[in-house]
Amino acid sequence: MVFEEFSYGWLIILAGALFFVLEVFSPGFFLLVPGTVLLILGVLAILGIDIFGSSYGIMAGIFIALLAAVVTVFMYSRLTPGDDKPLTTSMDSLVGKTGRVLNPVDEETLSGKVTIEGHIFSAKSKSGIIPEGTKVKVISSRGVHIVVEEE
């Protein structure tokens, strides 16, 4: 039969690969760590190390998995730049704030850019074209952009 020499290590590797694929659709490195650990355990199982057959194998598997997890988290943390926390701004919290126009703002397109408190936002004008350098005030938010008027 075809499956007589099939190793459960391949199933563990497949599960690890599935974690990698899921990470693509939900980025954040949360699935890469267990995926990496599963890949390592799967390779060990294919190489003939009986991880689940004895108490020594279980202890060695746990040790290797923990070591792999620590190394993986360390390596992935080195990939992230600096200690800056991600910025999440509710567009509604910008209403009433002032800023400057970086790219001319009009009422038709989202090509206009405004800087507010050091952050750049896509903007539309309430009416007309607002030229670069003009001081503006946020009057509302619509989805992923803000609506501004000259101050």
Protein backbone atom coordinates (compact mmCIF):
# COMPACT_ATOMS: atom_id res chain seq x y z
CA MET A 1 0.00 0.00 0.00
CA VAL A 2 1.19 3.55 -0.69
CA PHE A 3 0.73 4.78 2.87
CA GLU A 4 2.65 2.02 4.65
CA GLU A 5 5.83 4.07 4.96
CA PHE A 6 4.06 7.41 5.29
CA SER A 7 5.37 9.29 8.33
CA TYR A 8 3.21 11.40 10.59
CA GLY A 9 6.08 13.90 10.32
CA TRP A 10 4.72 14.92 6.92
CA LEU A 11 1.37 15.71 8.52
CA ILE A 12 3.12 17.87 11.12
CA ILE A 13 5.03 19.67 8.35
CA LEU A 14 1.78 20.15 6.44
CA ALA A 15 0.18 21.66 9.55
CA GLY A 16 3.17 24.02 9.93
CA ALA A 17 2.92 25.03 6.28
CA LEU A 18 -0.80 25.69 6.80
CA PHE A 19 0.11 28.12 9.60
CA PHE A 20 2.43 29.93 7.17
CA VAL A 21 -0.35 30.19 4.58
CA LEU A 22 -2.81 31.45 7.19
CA GLU A 23 -0.25 34.07 8.26
CA VAL A 24 -0.42 35.55 4.75
CA PHE A 25 -4.12 36.29 5.28
CA SER A 26 -3.73 37.42 8.89
CA PRO A 27 -0.31 39.06 9.24
CA GLY A 28 1.23 39.77 12.62
CA PHE A 29 3.73 36.93 13.18
CA PHE A 30 1.27 35.16 15.51
CA LEU A 31 0.98 32.09 13.30
CA LEU A 32 4.61 31.98 12.15
CA VAL A 33 5.91 30.89 15.56
CA PRO A 34 3.78 27.75 15.91
CA GLY A 35 4.25 27.12 12.19
CA THR A 36 8.02 27.18 12.59
CA VAL A 37 7.84 24.89 15.62
CA LEU A 38 5.64 22.41 13.75
CA LEU A 39 8.01 22.40 10.78
CA ILE A 40 10.96 21.61 13.02
CA LEU A 41 9.07 18.86 14.86
CA GLY A 42 7.92 17.41 11.54
CA VAL A 43 11.47 17.30 10.19
CA LEU A 44 12.65 15.60 13.39
CA ALA A 45 9.90 13.00 13.03
CA ILE A 46 10.86 12.34 9.39
CA LEU A 47 14.52 11.97 10.40
CA GLY A 48 13.48 9.13 12.68
CA ILE A 49 13.60 10.83 16.05
CA ASP A 50 10.68 9.29 17.91
CA ILE A 51 9.39 12.39 19.64
CA PHE A 52 6.14 10.90 20.93
CA GLY A 53 7.31 7.33 21.60
CA SER A 54 9.11 7.72 24.91
CA SER A 55 9.33 10.14 27.80
CA TYR A 56 12.80 11.20 26.61
CA GLY A 57 11.45 11.85 23.14
CA ILE A 58 8.60 13.94 24.53
CA MET A 59 11.02 15.95 26.70
CA ALA A 60 13.40 16.41 23.75
CA GLY A 61 10.49 17.48 21.53
CA ILE A 62 9.26 20.01 24.10
CA PHE A 63 12.78 21.35 24.61
CA ILE A 64 13.40 21.68 20.87
CA ALA A 65 9.97 23.28 20.35
CA LEU A 66 10.55 25.82 23.13
CA LEU A 67 14.05 26.57 21.87
CA ALA A 68 12.72 26.99 18.32
CA ALA A 69 9.92 29.26 19.58
CA VAL A 70 12.35 31.48 21.51
CA VAL A 71 14.77 31.72 18.57
CA THR A 72 11.89 32.37 16.14
CA VAL A 73 10.38 35.13 18.29
CA PHE A 74 13.83 36.69 18.72
CA MET A 75 14.54 36.58 14.98
CA TYR A 76 11.13 37.96 14.04
CA SER A 77 11.47 40.76 16.62
CA ARG A 78 14.75 41.75 14.95
CA LEU A 79 12.84 42.21 11.67
CA THR A 80 10.56 44.91 13.11
CA PRO A 81 12.02 48.42 12.93
CA GLY A 82 12.56 50.29 16.19
CA ASP A 83 10.33 50.43 19.22
CA ASP A 84 7.59 52.42 17.50
CA LYS A 85 4.13 51.18 18.27
CA PRO A 86 1.71 51.02 15.34
CA LEU A 87 -0.46 54.11 15.02
CA THR A 88 -4.20 53.69 14.80
CA THR A 89 -6.19 56.88 14.45
CA SER A 90 -9.95 57.08 14.33
CA MET A 91 -10.81 59.54 11.58
CA ASP A 92 -13.63 60.89 13.76
CA SER A 93 -11.07 61.98 16.36
CA LEU A 94 -9.57 64.38 13.79
CA VAL A 95 -12.71 66.53 13.48
CA GLY A 96 -11.91 70.06 14.67
CA LYS A 97 -8.12 69.67 14.35
CA THR A 98 -6.04 71.85 12.08
CA GLY A 99 -3.27 71.01 9.66
CA ARG A 100 -1.51 72.02 6.45
CA VAL A 101 -2.14 70.96 2.87
CA LEU A 102 0.73 68.94 1.36
CA ASN A 103 -0.90 68.16 -2.02
CA PRO A 104 -3.72 70.38 -3.35
CA VAL A 105 -7.10 69.25 -2.04
CA ASP A 106 -10.28 69.29 -4.13
CA GLU A 107 -13.82 68.02 -3.67
CA GLU A 108 -13.67 65.33 -6.37
CA THR A 109 -10.57 63.17 -5.77
CA LEU A 110 -8.59 61.69 -2.89
CA SER A 111 -5.25 62.86 -4.30
CA GLY A 112 -5.14 65.68 -1.75
CA LYS A 113 -2.94 65.14 1.30
CA VAL A 114 -3.03 66.98 4.61
CA THR A 115 -0.61 66.73 7.52
CA ILE A 116 -2.10 66.85 11.01
CA GLU A 117 0.10 66.47 14.10
CA GLY A 118 2.89 65.00 11.98
CA HIS A 119 0.73 62.38 10.25
CA ILE A 120 -0.43 62.45 6.63
CA PHE A 121 -4.07 61.86 5.68
CA SER A 122 -5.99 61.68 2.40
CA ALA A 123 -8.42 64.57 2.16
CA LYS A 124 -11.20 66.16 0.15
CA SER A 125 -12.28 69.77 0.38
CA LYS A 126 -15.75 70.93 1.37
CA SER A 127 -15.79 73.06 -1.77
CA GLY A 128 -13.30 74.23 -4.37
CA ILE A 129 -9.57 73.64 -4.56
CA ILE A 130 -7.32 74.31 -1.55
CA PRO A 131 -3.70 74.94 -2.61
CA GLU A 132 -0.54 73.48 -1.08
CA GLY A 133 0.62 75.16 2.15
CA THR A 134 -2.84 76.38 3.17
CA LYS A 135 -3.90 75.95 6.79
CA VAL A 136 -7.05 73.84 7.01
CA LYS A 137 -9.52 72.57 9.59
CA VAL A 138 -11.09 69.09 9.58
CA ILE A 139 -14.88 69.35 9.42
CA SER A 140 -15.82 65.68 8.99
CA SER A 141 -14.58 62.22 8.15
CA ARG A 142 -15.85 59.84 5.49
CA GLY A 143 -14.48 56.32 5.55
CA VAL A 144 -10.71 56.47 5.08
CA HIS A 145 -10.42 60.18 4.29
CA ILE A 146 -11.20 63.51 5.91
CA VAL A 147 -13.06 66.57 4.65
CA VAL A 148 -11.36 69.92 5.24
CA GLU A 149 -11.99 73.61 4.72
CA GLU A 150 -9.67 76.60 4.77
CA GLU A 151 -9.22 78.01 8.24
